[in-house]
Every structure is written in structure tokens, then in C-alpha cells.
N, C-alpha and C. Protein backbone atom coordinates (compact mmCIF):
# COMPACT_ATOMS: atom_id res chain seq x y z
N MET A 1 120.74 85.76 85.17
CA MET A 1 120.10 84.81 83.91
C MET A 1 118.55 85.57 83.81
N ASN A 2 118.47 86.47 82.84
CA ASN A 2 117.01 87.79 82.46
C ASN A 2 116.18 86.36 82.21
N LYS A 3 114.86 86.40 83.12
CA LYS A 3 113.69 86.06 83.11
C LYS A 3 113.31 86.78 81.65
N THR A 4 112.21 85.89 81.15
CA THR A 4 111.45 86.79 80.23
C THR A 4 109.29 86.43 80.71
N TYR A 5 108.88 87.11 80.37
CA TYR A 5 107.54 87.15 80.89
C TYR A 5 106.37 87.51 79.99
N PRO A 6 105.23 86.60 79.91
CA PRO A 6 104.40 86.82 79.11
C PRO A 6 104.03 88.60 78.63
N GLN A 7 103.79 88.69 77.51
CA GLN A 7 103.61 90.34 77.35
C GLN A 7 102.19 90.03 77.39
N PRO A 8 102.13 91.87 77.49
CA PRO A 8 100.47 92.05 77.81
C PRO A 8 100.07 91.95 76.42
N PRO A 9 98.96 91.67 76.52
CA PRO A 9 98.00 92.25 75.10
C PRO A 9 97.73 93.57 74.69
N ALA A 10 97.86 93.88 73.60
CA ALA A 10 97.78 95.31 72.72
C ALA A 10 96.34 95.91 73.40
N LEU A 11 94.83 94.82 73.72
CA LEU A 11 93.57 95.44 74.51
C LEU A 11 92.89 93.78 74.91
N GLU A 12 93.15 93.70 75.84
CA GLU A 12 92.43 92.50 76.87
C GLU A 12 91.30 92.98 77.19
N ASN A 13 89.61 92.10 77.01
CA ASN A 13 89.39 92.40 77.54
C ASN A 13 88.89 91.96 78.97
N PHE A 14 88.78 92.02 80.08
CA PHE A 14 88.84 91.63 81.51
C PHE A 14 87.08 91.23 81.48
N SER A 15 86.02 91.43 80.52
CA SER A 15 84.36 91.02 80.97
C SER A 15 84.49 89.58 81.19
N LEU A 16 85.65 88.86 81.23
CA LEU A 16 85.80 87.56 82.07
C LEU A 16 86.66 87.20 83.21
N LEU A 17 86.55 88.07 83.47
CA LEU A 17 87.50 88.14 84.79
C LEU A 17 86.34 87.23 85.95
N GLU A 18 85.21 86.85 85.61
CA GLU A 18 84.17 86.46 86.84
C GLU A 18 83.90 84.92 86.49
N LEU A 19 84.18 84.43 85.62
CA LEU A 19 84.50 83.39 85.06
C LEU A 19 85.27 82.32 85.33
N PRO A 20 84.85 81.27 86.10
CA PRO A 20 85.49 79.90 87.10
C PRO A 20 87.02 79.83 86.71
N PRO A 21 87.86 79.27 87.04
CA PRO A 21 89.33 79.02 85.94
C PRO A 21 88.65 78.08 86.09
N SER A 22 89.96 77.19 85.16
CA SER A 22 89.88 76.27 84.26
C SER A 22 90.08 75.34 85.05
N LYS A 23 90.09 74.08 85.15
CA LYS A 23 89.75 72.76 86.16
C LYS A 23 91.63 72.52 85.81
N LEU A 24 91.90 72.71 84.59
CA LEU A 24 93.36 72.41 84.09
C LEU A 24 94.38 73.56 84.49
N ALA A 25 94.18 74.66 85.18
CA ALA A 25 95.02 75.65 85.38
C ALA A 25 95.66 75.12 86.57
N SER A 26 97.87 76.11 86.06
CA SER A 26 98.63 75.48 86.76
C SER A 26 97.73 75.72 89.17
N LYS A 27 98.21 74.59 89.88
CA LYS A 27 98.53 74.94 90.99
C LYS A 27 98.82 75.98 91.61
N ARG A 28 99.69 76.88 89.98
CA ARG A 28 100.44 77.76 91.10
C ARG A 28 99.59 79.41 91.08
N LEU A 29 98.52 78.94 90.25
CA LEU A 29 97.37 80.42 90.33
C LEU A 29 96.89 80.62 91.16
N PRO A 30 96.81 81.70 91.68
CA PRO A 30 95.64 82.35 92.83
C PRO A 30 94.72 81.62 92.72
N GLN A 31 93.97 81.25 94.07
CA GLN A 31 92.96 80.46 94.02
C GLN A 31 91.68 81.26 94.95
N ARG A 32 90.18 81.21 94.47
CA ARG A 32 89.28 82.38 95.10
C ARG A 32 89.69 82.02 96.41
N GLY A 33 89.49 83.64 97.06
CA GLY A 33 89.45 83.45 98.36
C GLY A 33 90.31 83.87 99.06
N LYS A 34 92.10 83.32 98.15
CA LYS A 34 92.70 83.45 98.77
C LYS A 34 94.14 84.77 98.97
N GLN A 35 93.30 85.73 98.26
CA GLN A 35 93.97 86.88 98.20
C GLN A 35 92.84 88.27 98.94
N SER A 36 93.06 89.06 99.37
CA SER A 36 91.90 90.11 99.89
C SER A 36 92.96 91.53 100.20
N LEU A 37 92.35 92.56 100.56
CA LEU A 37 92.85 93.59 99.64
C LEU A 37 93.36 94.15 101.54
N ASP A 38 92.82 93.43 102.34
CA ASP A 38 94.22 93.74 104.00
C ASP A 38 95.15 92.98 103.74
N LYS A 39 95.77 91.78 102.85
CA LYS A 39 96.75 91.27 102.87
C LYS A 39 97.62 91.35 101.00
N ALA A 40 98.68 91.26 101.88
CA ALA A 40 100.18 91.37 101.37
C ALA A 40 99.80 90.04 100.06
N ILE A 41 100.04 90.75 99.02
CA ILE A 41 100.27 89.92 97.70
C ILE A 41 101.87 89.72 97.78
N VAL A 42 102.36 90.55 98.06
CA VAL A 42 103.89 90.42 98.55
C VAL A 42 104.60 90.52 99.62
N SER A 43 105.39 89.79 100.02
CA SER A 43 105.65 90.04 101.57
C SER A 43 106.45 91.44 101.59
N CYS A 44 107.41 91.94 100.98
CA CYS A 44 107.97 92.79 101.11
C CYS A 44 107.92 94.50 100.28
N PRO A 45 108.58 95.43 100.03
CA PRO A 45 107.85 96.48 99.20
C PRO A 45 108.44 96.53 98.09
N ILE A 46 107.28 97.01 96.63
CA ILE A 46 107.38 96.40 95.60
C ILE A 46 107.20 97.71 94.78
N GLU A 47 107.67 97.55 93.46
CA GLU A 47 107.98 98.56 92.48
C GLU A 47 107.44 98.00 90.83
N ILE A 48 105.90 98.04 90.46
CA ILE A 48 105.43 97.57 89.74
C ILE A 48 106.00 98.16 88.83
N GLU A 49 106.39 96.85 87.30
CA GLU A 49 106.53 97.66 86.09
C GLU A 49 105.66 97.25 85.04
N ARG A 50 105.00 96.37 85.76
CA ARG A 50 104.17 96.07 84.07
C ARG A 50 103.17 95.08 85.15
N LEU A 51 102.00 95.37 84.19
CA LEU A 51 100.23 94.57 84.42
C LEU A 51 99.91 93.65 83.52
N GLY A 52 100.08 92.36 83.35
CA GLY A 52 99.61 91.93 82.32
C GLY A 52 98.83 90.60 82.67
N ILE A 53 98.64 89.60 81.71
CA ILE A 53 97.44 88.59 81.46
C ILE A 53 98.17 87.27 80.94
N VAL A 54 97.69 86.43 81.56
CA VAL A 54 97.82 85.02 80.81
C VAL A 54 97.00 84.43 80.03
N LYS A 55 97.29 84.95 78.91
CA LYS A 55 96.16 84.58 78.09
C LYS A 55 95.18 82.97 78.29
N ARG A 56 96.24 81.84 77.63
CA ARG A 56 95.41 80.73 77.98
C ARG A 56 94.54 80.26 79.38
N THR A 57 94.55 81.03 80.55
CA THR A 57 93.92 81.07 81.55
C THR A 57 92.92 82.16 81.88
N ASN A 58 93.66 83.23 81.42
CA ASN A 58 93.21 85.02 81.27
C ASN A 58 92.97 85.00 83.14
N THR A 59 94.74 85.28 84.01
CA THR A 59 94.62 85.42 84.76
C THR A 59 95.84 86.29 85.07
N PRO A 60 95.14 87.84 85.72
CA PRO A 60 96.72 88.37 85.39
C PRO A 60 97.68 87.93 86.82
N TYR A 61 98.63 89.08 85.61
CA TYR A 61 99.89 89.09 87.03
C TYR A 61 101.14 90.56 87.07
N ILE A 62 101.60 90.31 87.82
CA ILE A 62 102.49 91.15 87.76
C ILE A 62 103.74 91.27 87.98
N VAL A 63 104.51 92.20 87.05
CA VAL A 63 106.15 92.19 87.20
C VAL A 63 107.03 93.00 88.21
N TYR A 64 107.41 92.47 89.32
CA TYR A 64 107.93 94.11 89.71
C TYR A 64 109.42 94.02 90.46
N ARG A 65 109.83 95.13 91.43
CA ARG A 65 111.13 95.12 91.44
C ARG A 65 111.18 95.36 93.09
N THR A 66 112.09 94.97 93.87
CA THR A 66 112.02 94.59 95.31
C THR A 66 113.75 94.10 95.65
N PRO A 67 113.51 95.19 96.51
CA PRO A 67 114.69 95.33 97.80
C PRO A 67 115.63 94.28 97.15
N TYR A 68 115.35 92.60 96.65
CA TYR A 68 115.91 92.05 96.86
C TYR A 68 115.97 91.09 95.60
N GLY A 69 115.65 92.50 94.54
CA GLY A 69 115.32 91.51 93.22
C GLY A 69 114.31 91.88 92.59
N ARG A 70 114.24 91.15 90.79
CA ARG A 70 113.01 91.52 90.36
C ARG A 70 111.78 90.10 90.58
N GLY A 71 110.38 89.95 90.39
CA GLY A 71 109.81 88.98 91.07
C GLY A 71 108.49 88.84 90.07
N CYS A 72 107.96 88.30 89.76
CA CYS A 72 106.39 87.98 89.18
C CYS A 72 105.53 86.64 89.94
N THR A 73 104.64 88.19 89.82
CA THR A 73 103.28 86.84 91.30
C THR A 73 102.24 87.27 90.39
N PHE A 74 101.82 85.86 90.84
CA PHE A 74 100.11 85.97 89.72
C PHE A 74 98.88 86.48 90.62
N ILE A 75 97.95 87.26 90.48
CA ILE A 75 97.18 88.04 91.20
C ILE A 75 95.78 87.22 90.80
N ALA A 76 94.53 87.36 91.78
CA ALA A 76 93.09 86.98 91.65
C ALA A 76 92.78 87.71 90.79
N ARG A 77 91.47 87.22 90.24
CA ARG A 77 90.46 88.24 89.16
C ARG A 77 90.25 89.27 90.12
N LYS A 78 89.67 88.67 91.17
CA LYS A 78 88.67 89.36 92.38
C LYS A 78 89.87 90.64 92.94
N TYR A 79 90.91 90.38 93.55
CA TYR A 79 91.53 90.83 93.78
C TYR A 79 91.82 92.08 92.54
N LEU A 80 92.15 91.75 91.08
CA LEU A 80 92.38 93.03 91.31
C LEU A 80 90.92 94.25 90.32
N ILE A 81 89.73 93.35 90.34
CA ILE A 81 88.87 94.27 90.00
C ILE A 81 88.62 95.09 91.46
N GLN A 82 88.91 94.75 92.77
CA GLN A 82 88.86 94.77 94.00
C GLN A 82 89.25 95.82 93.87
N SER A 83 90.33 96.07 93.94
CA SER A 83 91.67 96.98 93.95
C SER A 83 91.10 98.45 93.41
N LEU A 84 90.93 97.77 91.74
CA LEU A 84 90.35 98.68 91.04
C LEU A 84 89.34 99.82 91.43
N LEU A 85 87.80 99.14 91.98
CA LEU A 85 87.18 99.66 92.53
C LEU A 85 87.65 100.71 93.74
N SER A 86 88.44 100.30 94.40
CA SER A 86 88.93 101.16 95.13
C SER A 86 89.48 101.90 95.05
N LEU A 87 90.56 101.88 93.68
CA LEU A 87 91.37 102.78 93.37
C LEU A 87 90.40 104.35 92.04
N LEU A 88 89.15 103.51 92.26
CA LEU A 88 88.43 104.66 91.39
C LEU A 88 87.55 105.12 92.35
N GLY A 89 87.51 104.60 93.76
CA GLY A 89 86.50 105.13 95.30
C GLY A 89 86.85 105.91 95.66
N ILE A 90 88.86 106.03 95.58
CA ILE A 90 89.55 106.96 96.69
C ILE A 90 89.27 108.23 95.18
N CYS A 91 89.56 108.44 94.58
CA CYS A 91 88.78 109.38 93.39
C CYS A 91 87.50 109.62 93.34
N ASP A 92 86.81 109.17 93.57
CA ASP A 92 85.01 109.44 94.51
C ASP A 92 85.12 109.50 92.78
N ARG A 93 84.80 108.63 92.36
CA ARG A 93 84.01 107.73 91.46
C ARG A 93 83.04 107.50 91.82
N PRO A 94 81.89 107.04 90.70
CA PRO A 94 80.54 106.27 91.41
C PRO A 94 81.60 105.01 91.46
N GLY A 95 80.76 104.17 92.60
CA GLY A 95 81.08 102.55 93.33
C GLY A 95 79.82 101.69 92.72
N GLU A 96 79.60 101.75 91.28
CA GLU A 96 79.11 101.03 90.49
C GLU A 96 79.79 99.49 90.45
N PRO A 97 78.92 98.41 89.95
CA PRO A 97 80.36 97.31 89.80
C PRO A 97 81.16 97.69 88.46
N ILE A 98 82.25 96.71 88.75
CA ILE A 98 83.12 97.14 87.32
C ILE A 98 82.57 96.25 86.64
N SER A 99 82.45 95.84 85.13
CA SER A 99 81.56 94.95 84.29
C SER A 99 82.73 94.90 83.33
N GLY A 100 83.75 95.23 83.27
CA GLY A 100 85.14 94.83 82.48
C GLY A 100 86.25 96.07 82.17
N VAL A 101 87.34 95.87 82.13
CA VAL A 101 88.78 96.20 82.18
C VAL A 101 89.29 95.53 80.96
N SER A 102 89.84 96.79 80.23
CA SER A 102 90.89 96.54 79.18
C SER A 102 91.98 96.79 78.93
N ILE A 103 93.55 96.51 78.71
CA ILE A 103 94.60 96.93 79.21
C ILE A 103 95.26 97.50 77.60
N SER A 104 96.00 98.19 77.85
CA SER A 104 96.39 98.60 76.51
C SER A 104 97.88 99.08 76.85
N GLU A 105 98.79 99.76 75.77
CA GLU A 105 99.94 100.06 76.50
C GLU A 105 99.84 101.60 77.33
N TYR A 106 100.45 101.51 78.40
CA TYR A 106 100.27 102.49 79.23
C TYR A 106 99.16 102.89 79.48
N ARG A 107 97.84 102.50 79.47
CA ARG A 107 96.80 102.46 80.36
C ARG A 107 95.66 101.79 80.52
N LEU A 108 94.42 101.42 81.00
CA LEU A 108 93.96 100.63 81.43
C LEU A 108 92.75 101.24 81.55
N THR A 109 91.52 101.14 80.28
CA THR A 109 90.19 101.72 80.68
C THR A 109 89.43 100.64 81.68
N VAL A 110 88.49 101.13 82.18
CA VAL A 110 87.69 100.52 83.30
C VAL A 110 86.11 100.80 83.20
N GLN A 111 84.83 99.91 83.02
CA GLN A 111 84.25 100.05 82.29
C GLN A 111 83.28 100.57 83.74
N GLN A 112 81.99 101.24 84.68
CA GLN A 112 81.46 100.69 85.01
C GLN A 112 79.85 101.17 84.30
N GLY A 113 79.46 100.36 84.27
CA GLY A 113 77.58 100.04 84.08
C GLY A 113 77.98 101.72 82.80
N GLU A 114 77.07 102.47 82.61
CA GLU A 114 77.51 103.31 81.30
C GLU A 114 79.12 103.87 80.82
N ASN A 115 79.57 103.91 82.16
CA ASN A 115 80.61 105.11 82.15
C ASN A 115 82.30 104.17 81.98
N LEU A 116 83.25 104.46 81.14
CA LEU A 116 84.01 104.78 81.06
C LEU A 116 85.23 105.28 81.32
N TYR A 117 86.15 104.59 82.49
CA TYR A 117 87.82 105.55 83.00
C TYR A 117 88.85 105.12 82.16
N THR A 118 89.51 106.20 82.16
CA THR A 118 91.10 105.32 81.56
C THR A 118 92.05 106.06 82.58
N LEU A 119 92.98 104.98 82.54
CA LEU A 119 93.56 105.50 84.45
C LEU A 119 95.32 105.03 83.45
N PRO A 120 96.25 106.04 83.42
CA PRO A 120 97.03 105.80 83.41
C PRO A 120 97.87 104.53 83.97
N ASP A 121 98.67 103.29 83.67
CA ASP A 121 99.41 102.52 83.47
C ASP A 121 99.25 102.63 85.39
N ARG A 122 100.59 103.95 85.33
CA ARG A 122 101.79 104.51 86.71
C ARG A 122 100.85 104.57 87.81
N GLU A 123 99.19 105.24 87.58
CA GLU A 123 99.02 105.48 88.82
C GLU A 123 98.47 104.17 89.15
N VAL A 124 97.69 103.38 88.32
CA VAL A 124 97.35 101.84 88.59
C VAL A 124 98.67 100.94 90.00
N PHE A 125 99.74 101.35 89.20
CA PHE A 125 100.88 100.60 89.88
C PHE A 125 100.99 101.33 91.32
N ASP A 126 101.08 102.63 91.17
CA ASP A 126 101.18 103.30 91.99
C ASP A 126 100.39 102.70 93.30
N TYR A 127 98.88 102.68 92.76
CA TYR A 127 97.66 102.30 94.07
C TYR A 127 98.18 100.45 94.59
N LEU A 128 98.37 99.85 93.79
CA LEU A 128 98.87 98.29 94.00
C LEU A 128 99.79 98.19 94.70
N GLU A 129 100.72 98.89 94.87
CA GLU A 129 101.97 99.00 95.65
C GLU A 129 101.84 99.67 96.86
N ARG A 130 101.25 101.19 97.02
CA ARG A 130 100.58 101.08 98.35
C ARG A 130 99.84 100.21 99.43
N GLN A 131 98.74 99.47 98.44
CA GLN A 131 97.31 98.50 99.07
C GLN A 131 98.77 97.99 99.17
N ASN A 132 99.71 97.57 98.72
CA ASN A 132 100.22 96.56 99.47
C ASN A 132 101.19 96.33 100.74
N GLN A 133 101.84 97.42 100.04
CA GLN A 133 102.29 98.64 101.49
C GLN A 133 101.50 98.49 102.66
N ALA A 134 100.37 98.87 103.14
CA ALA A 134 99.46 99.29 103.36
C ALA A 134 98.72 98.26 104.48
N ALA A 135 99.09 96.80 103.66
CA ALA A 135 98.42 95.75 103.89
C ALA A 135 100.14 94.91 104.69
N ILE A 136 101.24 95.02 104.65
CA ILE A 136 102.53 94.70 105.13
C ILE A 136 102.38 95.46 106.64
N GLU A 137 102.26 96.90 106.40
CA GLU A 137 102.65 97.35 108.19
C GLU A 137 101.63 97.28 109.11
N ALA A 138 100.33 96.56 108.58
CA ALA A 138 98.65 96.41 109.31
C ALA A 138 98.62 98.10 110.02
N LEU A 139 98.25 98.80 108.83
CA LEU A 139 98.44 100.18 109.24
C LEU A 139 96.89 100.12 109.80
N GLN A 140 96.36 100.98 111.10
CA GLN A 140 95.42 100.93 111.87
C GLN A 140 94.49 102.15 111.77
N VAL A 141 93.14 102.31 111.90
CA VAL A 141 92.66 103.65 111.26
C VAL A 141 91.49 103.68 112.39
N LYS A 142 91.84 105.20 112.64
CA LYS A 142 91.01 105.38 113.85
C LYS A 142 90.13 106.93 113.27
N LEU A 143 88.59 106.64 113.22
CA LEU A 143 87.54 107.66 112.51
C LEU A 143 87.51 108.95 114.26
N LEU A 144 87.20 109.56 113.57
CA LEU A 144 87.13 110.67 114.32
C LEU A 144 86.22 112.26 113.21
N PRO A 145 85.58 112.89 113.51
CA PRO A 145 84.93 114.15 112.97
C PRO A 145 85.71 115.09 112.16
N GLN A 146 84.91 115.03 110.67
CA GLN A 146 86.38 115.22 109.60
C GLN A 146 87.84 115.08 109.44
N GLN A 147 87.45 114.02 110.05
CA GLN A 147 89.04 113.66 110.46
C GLN A 147 88.81 112.23 110.00
N ILE A 148 90.52 111.87 109.74
CA ILE A 148 90.79 110.16 109.69
C ILE A 148 92.32 109.61 110.34
N LEU A 149 92.52 109.75 111.23
CA LEU A 149 94.19 108.93 111.98
C LEU A 149 94.50 107.49 111.48
N VAL A 150 95.60 107.85 111.15
CA VAL A 150 95.87 106.60 110.33
C VAL A 150 97.43 106.25 111.58
N TRP A 151 97.63 105.16 111.74
CA TRP A 151 98.54 104.26 112.93
C TRP A 151 99.11 103.29 112.26
N ASN A 152 100.54 103.90 112.17
CA ASN A 152 101.88 102.13 111.27
C ASN A 152 102.01 101.80 113.33
N PRO A 153 101.54 100.68 113.31
CA PRO A 153 102.33 100.21 114.63
C PRO A 153 103.69 99.44 114.44
N LEU A 154 104.06 99.99 113.66
CA LEU A 154 105.61 99.52 113.35
C LEU A 154 106.48 100.57 113.75
N ASN A 155 106.25 102.13 113.56
CA ASN A 155 107.12 102.55 114.15
C ASN A 155 105.92 103.79 114.69
N GLY A 156 104.89 103.65 114.94
CA GLY A 156 104.58 104.52 116.09
C GLY A 156 103.76 105.79 115.78
N ASN A 157 104.31 106.06 114.42
CA ASN A 157 104.14 107.39 113.20
C ASN A 157 102.21 107.24 113.43
N ILE A 158 101.55 108.24 113.46
CA ILE A 158 99.98 108.74 113.11
C ILE A 158 100.06 110.06 112.16
N ASN A 159 99.45 109.25 110.70
CA ASN A 159 99.14 110.40 110.06
C ASN A 159 98.03 110.74 109.67
N GLU A 160 97.02 112.06 109.39
CA GLU A 160 96.51 112.40 109.43
C GLU A 160 95.34 112.77 108.09
N VAL A 161 94.16 112.00 107.66
CA VAL A 161 93.92 112.02 106.37
C VAL A 161 92.55 112.79 106.24
N LYS A 162 92.81 113.53 105.18
CA LYS A 162 91.88 114.63 105.50
C LYS A 162 91.01 114.95 103.93
N SER A 163 89.94 115.25 104.02
CA SER A 163 89.12 115.70 102.54
C SER A 163 90.85 116.31 101.50
N ASP A 164 91.97 117.29 101.95
CA ASP A 164 92.34 117.67 100.45
C ASP A 164 93.42 116.91 100.95
N GLY A 165 93.63 115.73 101.49
CA GLY A 165 94.67 114.81 101.33
C GLY A 165 95.13 114.30 102.18
N CYS A 166 96.08 113.84 102.70
CA CYS A 166 97.19 113.07 103.84
C CYS A 166 98.69 114.04 103.97
N SER A 167 98.59 114.22 105.31
CA SER A 167 99.93 115.01 105.91
C SER A 167 101.76 113.83 105.65
N CYS A 168 101.59 112.86 105.50
CA CYS A 168 102.65 112.37 104.19
C CYS A 168 103.29 113.15 103.12
N TYR A 169 104.43 112.76 103.04
CA TYR A 169 105.22 113.02 102.27
C TYR A 169 104.04 112.65 100.29
N GLU A 170 103.94 111.38 100.73
CA GLU A 170 103.43 110.59 99.46
C GLU A 170 102.16 111.06 98.30
N THR A 171 101.68 111.90 99.06
CA THR A 171 100.97 112.84 97.99
C THR A 171 101.19 114.44 97.61
N ALA A 172 102.04 114.27 97.55
CA ALA A 172 102.75 115.50 97.17
C ALA A 172 102.72 115.90 95.29
N ALA A 173 102.68 114.84 94.80
CA ALA A 173 102.59 114.97 93.62
C ALA A 173 101.04 114.81 93.13
N PRO A 174 101.29 114.98 91.86
CA PRO A 174 99.61 115.04 91.59
C PRO A 174 99.14 113.57 91.37
N ARG A 175 97.63 113.80 91.37
CA ARG A 175 96.79 112.18 92.01
C ARG A 175 97.57 111.36 92.28
N SER A 176 98.14 111.51 93.28
CA SER A 176 99.07 110.39 94.08
C SER A 176 98.10 110.17 95.20
N VAL A 177 97.61 108.95 95.38
CA VAL A 177 97.49 108.29 96.85
C VAL A 177 98.03 107.45 97.32
N CYS A 178 98.06 108.38 98.88
CA CYS A 178 99.62 107.21 99.98
C CYS A 178 98.79 105.74 100.79
N LYS A 179 99.58 105.82 100.97
CA LYS A 179 99.06 104.38 101.37
C LYS A 179 98.48 104.38 102.76
N HIS A 180 97.89 105.68 103.24
CA HIS A 180 97.46 106.14 104.78
C HIS A 180 95.97 106.46 104.24
N GLN A 181 95.71 106.64 102.40
CA GLN A 181 94.81 107.01 102.18
C GLN A 181 94.15 106.05 101.55
N VAL A 182 95.28 104.84 101.21
CA VAL A 182 94.33 103.54 101.00
C VAL A 182 94.04 102.74 102.38
N ALA A 183 94.38 102.87 103.14
CA ALA A 183 93.78 101.86 104.28
C ALA A 183 92.74 103.19 104.79
N ALA A 184 92.74 104.41 104.54
CA ALA A 184 91.50 104.76 105.25
C ALA A 184 90.28 104.34 104.53
N HIS A 185 90.48 104.17 103.16
CA HIS A 185 89.39 104.11 102.07
C HIS A 185 88.50 102.49 102.52
N LEU A 186 89.90 101.46 102.63
CA LEU A 186 89.82 100.21 102.63
C LEU A 186 88.95 100.10 104.07
N TYR A 187 89.12 100.81 105.29
CA TYR A 187 88.72 100.74 106.29
C TYR A 187 87.48 101.03 106.15
N LEU A 188 86.57 101.95 105.83
CA LEU A 188 85.85 102.58 105.09
C LEU A 188 84.91 101.66 104.43
N ARG A 189 85.14 101.23 103.92
CA ARG A 189 84.40 100.38 102.88
C ARG A 189 83.81 99.31 104.10
N SER A 190 84.90 98.79 104.64
CA SER A 190 84.24 97.13 106.24
C SER A 190 83.24 98.14 106.31
N GLN A 191 83.27 99.23 106.73
CA GLN A 191 82.29 100.02 107.69
C GLN A 191 81.59 100.33 107.23
N GLY A 192 81.15 100.34 105.81
CA GLY A 192 79.41 100.51 104.82
C GLY A 192 79.44 102.03 104.55
N TRP A 193 80.72 102.62 104.82
CA TRP A 193 81.00 104.00 103.89
C TRP A 193 81.34 103.80 102.62
N GLY A 194 80.62 104.65 101.31
CA GLY A 194 81.02 104.54 100.00
C GLY A 194 82.59 104.44 99.75
N SER A 195 83.13 105.59 100.29
CA SER A 195 84.16 106.35 99.64
C SER A 195 84.89 106.85 100.48
N LEU A 196 86.55 107.59 100.73
CA LEU A 196 86.60 108.70 100.86
C LEU A 196 85.79 109.95 101.21
N GLY A 197 85.65 109.94 99.85
CA GLY A 197 84.93 111.53 99.52
C GLY A 197 83.00 111.57 100.51
N ILE A 198 83.19 110.47 100.47
CA ILE A 198 81.56 110.21 101.32
C ILE A 198 81.23 110.69 102.08
N TYR A 199 82.51 110.45 103.11
CA TYR A 199 83.05 110.32 104.52
C TYR A 199 83.27 111.82 104.72
N PHE A 200 83.32 112.63 104.15
CA PHE A 200 84.13 113.94 103.93
C PHE A 200 83.21 114.88 103.77
N LYS A 201 82.15 114.51 102.93
CA LYS A 201 81.30 115.26 102.76
C LYS A 201 80.16 116.37 103.66
N PRO A 202 79.46 117.32 103.49
CA PRO A 202 78.88 118.09 105.04
C PRO A 202 77.31 116.99 105.02
N ASP A 203 76.82 117.10 106.20
CA ASP A 203 76.41 116.54 107.13
C ASP A 203 75.05 115.82 106.37
N GLU A 204 74.88 117.16 106.20
CA GLU A 204 73.60 116.90 105.32
C GLU A 204 73.36 116.43 104.10
N GLU A 205 74.44 115.95 103.33
CA GLU A 205 74.50 115.13 102.06
C GLU A 205 74.50 114.04 102.33
N VAL A 206 74.91 113.25 103.11
CA VAL A 206 75.37 112.22 104.12
C VAL A 206 74.24 111.61 104.93
N ALA A 207 72.89 112.28 105.23
CA ALA A 207 71.87 112.17 106.58
C ALA A 207 71.78 110.50 106.38
N ALA A 208 71.62 109.98 104.65
CA ALA A 208 71.34 108.58 105.29
C ALA A 208 72.34 107.95 104.94
N SER A 209 73.76 107.82 105.33
CA SER A 209 74.65 106.85 105.40
C SER A 209 74.93 106.59 106.56
N PRO A 210 75.21 105.14 106.33
CA PRO A 210 76.11 104.60 107.98
C PRO A 210 76.43 105.70 108.26
N PRO A 211 76.63 105.75 109.98
CA PRO A 211 76.81 106.57 111.32
C PRO A 211 78.36 106.24 111.12
């Protein structure tokens, strides 16, 4: 039996994402603080088909495929905002707070200060998929001068993340961001670095940055 899901609006403004959820919202909706970027939102590999919004509660959701079938999961507003901020950071765009997000067919538009960035929906889907996979595999990061090593404790593999990409096959496609780059970026943020790009800048450019 085929399931149907709410269709994404032609243009949905996310500027209200920071508002507290309605007290009448379903208990199935994600609660504040329950989702974080280092935790998987789905406990198996996913291929996202669509990102949408529940109009009544302004709650984001993803529709996806897994090895076990299709599914739909609500995601916290804060989780989506932080995910987009990380995606922009990996792409070395400014790290200003996100003030608004709009969804239209095949793309998302993100506002940071005076800047607007248009992201193909597939680029966002790929990032969310790999962020989820990095959390499933609990990837571990070690920082070295001009080099970052990412270790997968599940299979023992070690991949090298450098200024021009990653040693894994996932970054062969243009604009592709792999799970190792995601793990490295999130680790750098947790340590006070702004992004992968900042970490790999020459020493004189980051003299005031964290050690």
C-alpha cells in the first residue's frame, strides 16, 4: 500500500523556525534538544527523496529510501538550520547565523545576513545523508598539520581529508561532500574552528584562530 506525504509548498519561508512549537503539536514531532548533528536521525543508510514542511506546525520532514523500504521522519527545526550552516561552512561560505530558509522546486535558498545562497536540493540531500551516515559509523577524527585523519571504528579504515578534498571515492563527483569531510568539519566546529577552509588556511591567516 503506497503512503502519501504532505507536498512541499511552492515557496515556504523558514524565518519562523526558531519559534517554540505549538503546545498542541503531536508528541511524534521532534522535541527541542533531542536531535544533534553527531547523532543519526535514522539508524541505517538513507537516500533522501524529498524535504518538506508540515504547514500546521512548520515542522520539517524528510522522505527517504532505506535497504528496508521507504520512510518519513520529522526533523527538528534546529537540526535543519545547523545542518545547512555546516553545509555552507564546508563550502567555505560565511559562518553568519541563518536568518531564513525557503524551499522551492529543486532548490533551497538560505539567507545569511545580507547574502542569499541557492543550494540544489540534491546537494542538501547528499549532505544530510552523509551526516547521518557519519553519525551511524561514529567516525573518529585526528588533527595533524595540514592534514586530518578520519578513522572508521566499524571497519578500521582511515581516510585523509586535505584542503583539496578526501582520499575516499565519494568526492569524485563535482561539489560532492563525503562523510569524512562532514565528520572532520563537525569536529573542527566543536573545537572552536569555523570550518574546514579555515583550518587549511596558511598559518599567518589564522594566527588569531584556535590552536
